[in-house]
Amino acid sequence: MSLKALLLYGYGINCENESKYAIEKSGGKADILHLNKVLENSKLLEDYNMLMIPGGFSFGDDLGSGKVFGNKMRFRLREPLERFVKADKLVLGICNGFQVMVKMGLLPEPDFSQKVSLTGNDSGHFEDRWVILKTNAASPCVFSKGLEYIRMPVRHGEGKFIPKDEATLDGLRKNNQIVFQYVDEKGGLAGYPCNPNGSVENIAGICDRTGRIFGMMPHPEAFNIVQNCPYWVRGTVKEAMGLRLFRNAAEYLEQKR
């Protein structure tokens, strides 16, 4: 089957057009729908095999980033989302979308119980720059297949990843659900500014145990042409690496025919 994504927007989500462009440039199709449309008619989800919550500042980050948007989905779409996930479909959240997913309890497991959070950066201010990510090769994540290191931009004020307790963190380690970590130029775990927010164990993205539900703070959809990366002028950037994640999603679904 071909990738057909539903992109949610509204209430401050502002990366839906970049996301649509990245998906369609990677071989998929995407429709942008306001959250209210889906709340009013949850059957719309049945027409898609990937759900994406793009970045932005939903509800102005009031009550904590992603909390209000997440609650709307959790209390009004729980059963349709459970069916969506059980049908082996994909869910992706980027930046604010990642915040929504963890606040509503769709990650680390889709049990709608919050076990991790994304909170204020240790720096105390908004971070808007490029970072380097290292991929966990053992992760089951559909989106990260074939990646080792990748540069991506971050733009967030609340990106610090914190697990509820040590048991939760141990589970993420044991099941290889930690997909991306912030690293330095040599590929080692390092503090600020390589880790832009102070995330525990430099965590930048996690998936569920199946690898089909995935969220991350950096923005792959913003690296959709080579010239988007400031390092392209050095001649070292040969590919818009952010598209790799969306191509992986498209190839995964194509193989399910």
Protein backbone atom coordinates (compact mmCIF):
# COMPACT_ATOMS: atom_id res chain seq x y z
CA MET A 1 0.00 0.00 0.00
CA SER A 2 1.12 3.58 -0.59
CA LEU A 3 1.75 6.05 2.19
CA LYS A 4 -1.32 8.19 2.78
CA ALA A 5 -0.87 10.51 5.74
CA LEU A 6 -3.30 12.60 7.73
CA LEU A 7 -1.66 15.75 9.09
CA LEU A 8 -3.43 17.44 11.97
CA TYR A 9 -3.32 21.21 12.38
CA GLY A 10 -5.03 23.94 14.35
CA TYR A 11 -4.66 25.90 17.57
CA GLY A 12 -1.04 26.89 16.86
CA ILE A 13 0.33 23.91 14.94
CA ASN A 14 2.38 25.58 12.17
CA CYS A 15 4.56 22.99 10.40
CA GLU A 16 1.85 21.18 8.48
CA ASN A 17 2.82 22.52 5.05
CA GLU A 18 6.50 21.64 5.43
CA SER A 19 5.42 18.19 6.57
CA LYS A 20 3.10 17.69 3.61
CA TYR A 21 5.88 18.73 1.24
CA ALA A 22 8.36 16.30 2.84
CA ILE A 23 5.91 13.39 2.70
CA GLU A 24 4.92 13.99 -0.90
CA LYS A 25 8.54 14.50 -1.97
CA SER A 26 9.24 11.10 -0.40
CA GLY A 27 6.64 9.24 -2.43
CA GLY A 28 3.57 9.54 -0.23
CA LYS A 29 0.39 11.58 -0.23
CA ALA A 30 -0.82 13.80 2.60
CA ASP A 31 -3.98 15.64 3.56
CA ILE A 32 -4.08 18.46 6.11
CA LEU A 33 -7.14 18.46 8.34
CA HIS A 34 -8.06 20.59 11.34
CA LEU A 35 -8.21 18.65 14.59
CA ASN A 36 -11.86 19.62 15.01
CA LYS A 37 -12.77 17.84 11.76
CA VAL A 38 -11.35 14.61 13.13
CA LEU A 39 -12.93 15.11 16.55
CA GLU A 40 -16.29 15.54 14.84
CA ASN A 41 -15.82 12.53 12.56
CA SER A 42 -13.25 10.02 13.80
CA LYS A 43 -14.02 7.72 10.86
CA LEU A 44 -11.78 10.01 8.79
CA LEU A 45 -8.82 8.19 10.37
CA GLU A 46 -9.82 5.01 8.54
CA ASP A 47 -8.83 6.55 5.19
CA TYR A 48 -5.15 6.88 6.19
CA ASN A 49 -2.25 4.64 7.13
CA MET A 50 -0.15 7.29 8.87
CA LEU A 51 -1.16 9.96 11.35
CA MET A 52 1.22 12.86 11.89
CA ILE A 53 1.09 15.64 14.45
CA PRO A 54 3.45 18.39 13.20
CA GLY A 55 5.37 20.98 15.16
CA GLY A 56 4.18 24.36 16.39
CA PHE A 57 2.92 25.91 19.60
CA SER A 58 -0.53 24.46 20.15
CA PHE A 59 -2.59 26.51 22.57
CA GLY A 60 0.43 28.73 23.13
CA ASP A 61 2.02 25.96 25.24
CA ASP A 62 -0.40 26.92 28.03
CA LEU A 63 -0.53 24.32 30.83
CA GLY A 64 2.67 22.87 29.34
CA SER A 65 3.55 22.23 25.71
CA GLY A 66 1.20 19.79 23.98
CA LYS A 67 -0.99 19.24 27.06
CA VAL A 68 -4.27 20.75 25.84
CA PHE A 69 -4.01 19.36 22.30
CA GLY A 70 -3.10 15.98 23.78
CA ASN A 71 -6.05 15.99 26.16
CA LYS A 72 -8.44 16.74 23.31
CA MET A 73 -7.15 13.69 21.48
CA ARG A 74 -6.92 11.47 24.54
CA PHE A 75 -10.47 12.06 25.76
CA ARG A 76 -12.22 12.25 22.39
CA LEU A 77 -10.23 9.98 20.10
CA ARG A 78 -8.89 7.25 22.35
CA GLU A 79 -10.87 4.34 20.90
CA PRO A 80 -10.36 5.37 17.23
CA LEU A 81 -6.63 5.81 17.91
CA GLU A 82 -6.44 2.39 19.56
CA ARG A 83 -8.00 0.85 16.44
CA PHE A 84 -5.64 2.85 14.24
CA VAL A 85 -2.58 1.55 16.09
CA LYS A 86 -3.82 -2.05 16.21
CA ALA A 87 -4.23 -1.95 12.42
CA ASP A 88 -0.41 -1.72 12.08
CA LYS A 89 -0.54 1.89 10.93
CA LEU A 90 2.10 4.56 11.65
CA VAL A 91 2.01 7.53 14.00
CA LEU A 92 4.58 10.32 13.91
CA GLY A 93 4.96 13.37 16.13
CA ILE A 94 7.54 16.10 15.54
CA CYS A 95 8.44 18.69 18.21
CA ASN A 96 5.05 19.91 19.46
CA GLY A 97 3.62 16.70 18.02
CA PHE A 98 6.06 14.69 20.14
CA GLN A 99 5.01 16.73 23.17
CA VAL A 100 1.35 15.97 22.37
CA MET A 101 2.06 12.26 22.06
CA VAL A 102 3.85 11.90 25.40
CA LYS A 103 1.33 14.07 27.26
CA MET A 104 -1.60 12.02 25.95
CA GLY A 105 0.19 8.73 26.68
CA LEU A 106 0.69 7.47 23.12
CA LEU A 107 4.41 7.07 23.85
CA PRO A 108 6.39 5.18 25.15
CA GLU A 109 3.42 2.79 24.83
CA PRO A 110 -0.06 3.54 23.46
CA ASP A 111 -1.80 2.91 26.76
CA PHE A 112 -2.87 6.57 27.26
CA SER A 113 -0.98 6.84 30.52
CA GLN A 114 1.72 9.51 30.71
CA LYS A 115 5.08 8.02 31.65
CA VAL A 116 7.52 10.59 30.25
CA SER A 117 7.47 14.32 29.69
CA LEU A 118 9.11 17.11 27.70
CA THR A 119 9.70 20.19 29.76
CA GLY A 120 11.58 23.51 29.79
CA ASN A 121 15.10 23.62 28.35
CA ASP A 122 17.88 23.80 30.93
CA SER A 123 19.18 26.88 29.13
CA GLY A 124 16.01 28.72 30.14
CA HIS A 125 15.39 29.97 26.61
CA PHE A 126 14.21 28.96 23.15
CA GLU A 127 16.79 26.96 21.15
CA ASP A 128 16.82 27.45 17.38
CA ARG A 129 19.81 25.83 15.63
CA TRP A 130 21.17 22.64 14.08
CA VAL A 131 22.17 19.59 16.11
CA ILE A 132 23.70 16.17 15.42
CA LEU A 133 21.77 13.01 16.20
CA LYS A 134 23.08 9.47 16.61
CA THR A 135 20.75 6.61 15.70
CA ASN A 136 20.31 3.48 17.77
CA ALA A 137 20.88 0.78 15.15
CA ALA A 138 19.11 -1.79 17.33
CA SER A 139 15.91 0.24 17.53
CA PRO A 140 12.78 -1.25 15.90
CA CYS A 141 11.80 2.25 14.73
CA VAL A 142 10.40 2.20 11.19
CA PHE A 143 11.44 5.79 10.49
CA SER A 144 15.14 5.57 11.40
CA LYS A 145 16.17 2.52 9.35
CA GLY A 146 19.53 2.90 7.62
CA LEU A 147 20.51 6.06 9.47
CA GLU A 148 23.65 6.40 11.56
CA TYR A 149 24.22 10.11 12.15
CA ILE A 150 22.08 12.96 10.93
CA ARG A 151 21.98 16.73 11.31
CA MET A 152 18.63 18.40 11.95
CA PRO A 153 17.35 21.72 13.23
CA VAL A 154 15.75 22.17 16.64
CA ARG A 155 13.40 24.99 17.51
CA HIS A 156 11.79 24.56 20.89
CA GLY A 157 11.58 25.97 24.39
CA GLU A 158 10.40 22.77 26.09
CA GLY A 159 12.40 19.87 24.72
CA LYS A 160 13.97 18.35 27.82
CA PHE A 161 13.06 14.66 27.88
CA ILE A 162 12.37 13.30 31.38
CA PRO A 163 11.08 9.79 32.28
CA LYS A 164 8.67 9.38 35.18
CA ASP A 165 11.07 7.07 37.02
CA GLU A 166 14.13 4.88 36.60
CA ALA A 167 11.99 1.86 35.71
CA THR A 168 10.55 3.73 32.74
CA LEU A 169 14.04 4.70 31.57
CA ASP A 170 15.25 1.12 32.02
CA GLY A 171 12.37 -0.09 29.87
CA LEU A 172 13.27 2.34 27.10
CA ARG A 173 16.88 1.12 27.19
CA LYS A 174 16.00 -2.57 27.37
CA ASN A 175 13.56 -2.43 24.46
CA ASN A 176 15.78 -0.15 22.35
CA GLN A 177 13.01 2.46 22.25
CA ILE A 178 15.57 5.28 22.46
CA VAL A 179 15.88 6.06 18.75
CA PHE A 180 17.92 9.30 18.58
CA GLN A 181 20.39 10.93 20.97
CA TYR A 182 22.07 14.32 20.75
CA VAL A 183 25.83 13.96 20.19
CA ASP A 184 28.90 16.09 19.45
CA GLU A 185 30.94 16.22 16.25
CA LYS A 186 32.78 13.03 17.26
CA GLY A 187 29.59 11.12 17.94
CA GLY A 188 29.88 11.18 21.72
CA LEU A 189 27.23 12.10 24.25
CA ALA A 190 27.89 15.63 25.43
CA GLY A 191 26.24 18.41 27.37
CA TYR A 192 25.09 21.82 26.25
CA PRO A 193 25.13 23.04 23.50
CA CYS A 194 25.28 19.61 21.82
CA ASN A 195 22.37 18.57 24.00
CA PRO A 196 20.22 21.68 23.46
CA ASN A 197 17.74 21.11 26.27
CA GLY A 198 19.31 18.92 28.96
CA SER A 199 17.38 15.76 28.03
CA VAL A 200 18.10 12.75 30.23
CA GLU A 201 20.69 10.57 28.45
CA ASN A 202 20.58 13.06 25.55
CA ILE A 203 17.32 11.55 24.31
CA ALA A 204 15.97 13.30 21.21
CA GLY A 205 13.39 10.74 20.06
CA ILE A 206 11.70 7.52 21.15
CA CYS A 207 9.39 4.90 19.66
CA ASP A 208 7.01 2.30 21.03
CA ARG A 209 8.00 -1.37 21.15
CA THR A 210 6.71 -2.03 17.63
CA GLY A 211 8.66 0.86 16.13
CA ARG A 212 5.53 2.15 14.37
CA ILE A 213 4.79 4.97 16.83
CA PHE A 214 7.57 7.53 16.90
CA GLY A 215 8.19 11.01 18.24
CA MET A 216 11.21 13.33 18.16
CA MET A 217 12.05 16.94 19.00
CA PRO A 218 14.27 17.93 16.00
CA HIS A 219 12.57 18.72 12.68
CA PRO A 220 13.29 16.29 9.80
CA GLU A 221 10.61 17.94 7.66
CA ALA A 222 12.65 21.17 7.76
CA PHE A 223 15.61 19.44 6.07
CA ASN A 224 13.78 18.83 2.80
CA ILE A 225 16.32 20.34 0.38
CA VAL A 226 20.11 20.36 0.65
CA GLN A 227 20.22 24.16 0.86
CA ASN A 228 18.14 24.15 4.04
CA CYS A 229 21.19 22.96 5.93
CA PRO A 230 23.69 25.78 6.64
CA TYR A 231 26.60 23.39 6.10
CA TRP A 232 25.79 22.80 2.43
CA VAL A 233 28.11 25.68 1.49
CA ARG A 234 31.05 23.55 2.66
CA GLY A 235 30.20 20.97 0.03
CA THR A 236 29.80 18.24 2.64
CA VAL A 237 26.00 18.00 2.52
CA LYS A 238 24.93 15.89 -0.45
CA GLU A 239 21.40 14.92 0.55
CA ALA A 240 18.37 16.37 2.32
CA MET A 241 18.65 13.81 5.10
CA GLY A 242 15.36 14.71 6.76
CA LEU A 243 13.52 13.08 3.88
CA ARG A 244 15.05 9.71 4.79
CA LEU A 245 12.59 9.32 7.65
CA PHE A 246 9.58 9.84 5.40
CA ARG A 247 10.99 7.56 2.69
CA ASN A 248 11.42 4.86 5.31
CA ALA A 249 7.76 5.21 6.24
CA ALA A 250 6.72 5.03 2.57
CA GLU A 251 8.89 1.95 1.95
CA TYR A 252 7.58 0.21 5.07
CA LEU A 253 4.00 0.63 3.94
CA GLU A 254 4.84 -0.31 0.36
CA GLN A 255 6.25 -3.62 1.60
CA LYS A 256 2.97 -4.41 3.36
CA ARG A 257 1.19 -5.03 0.03
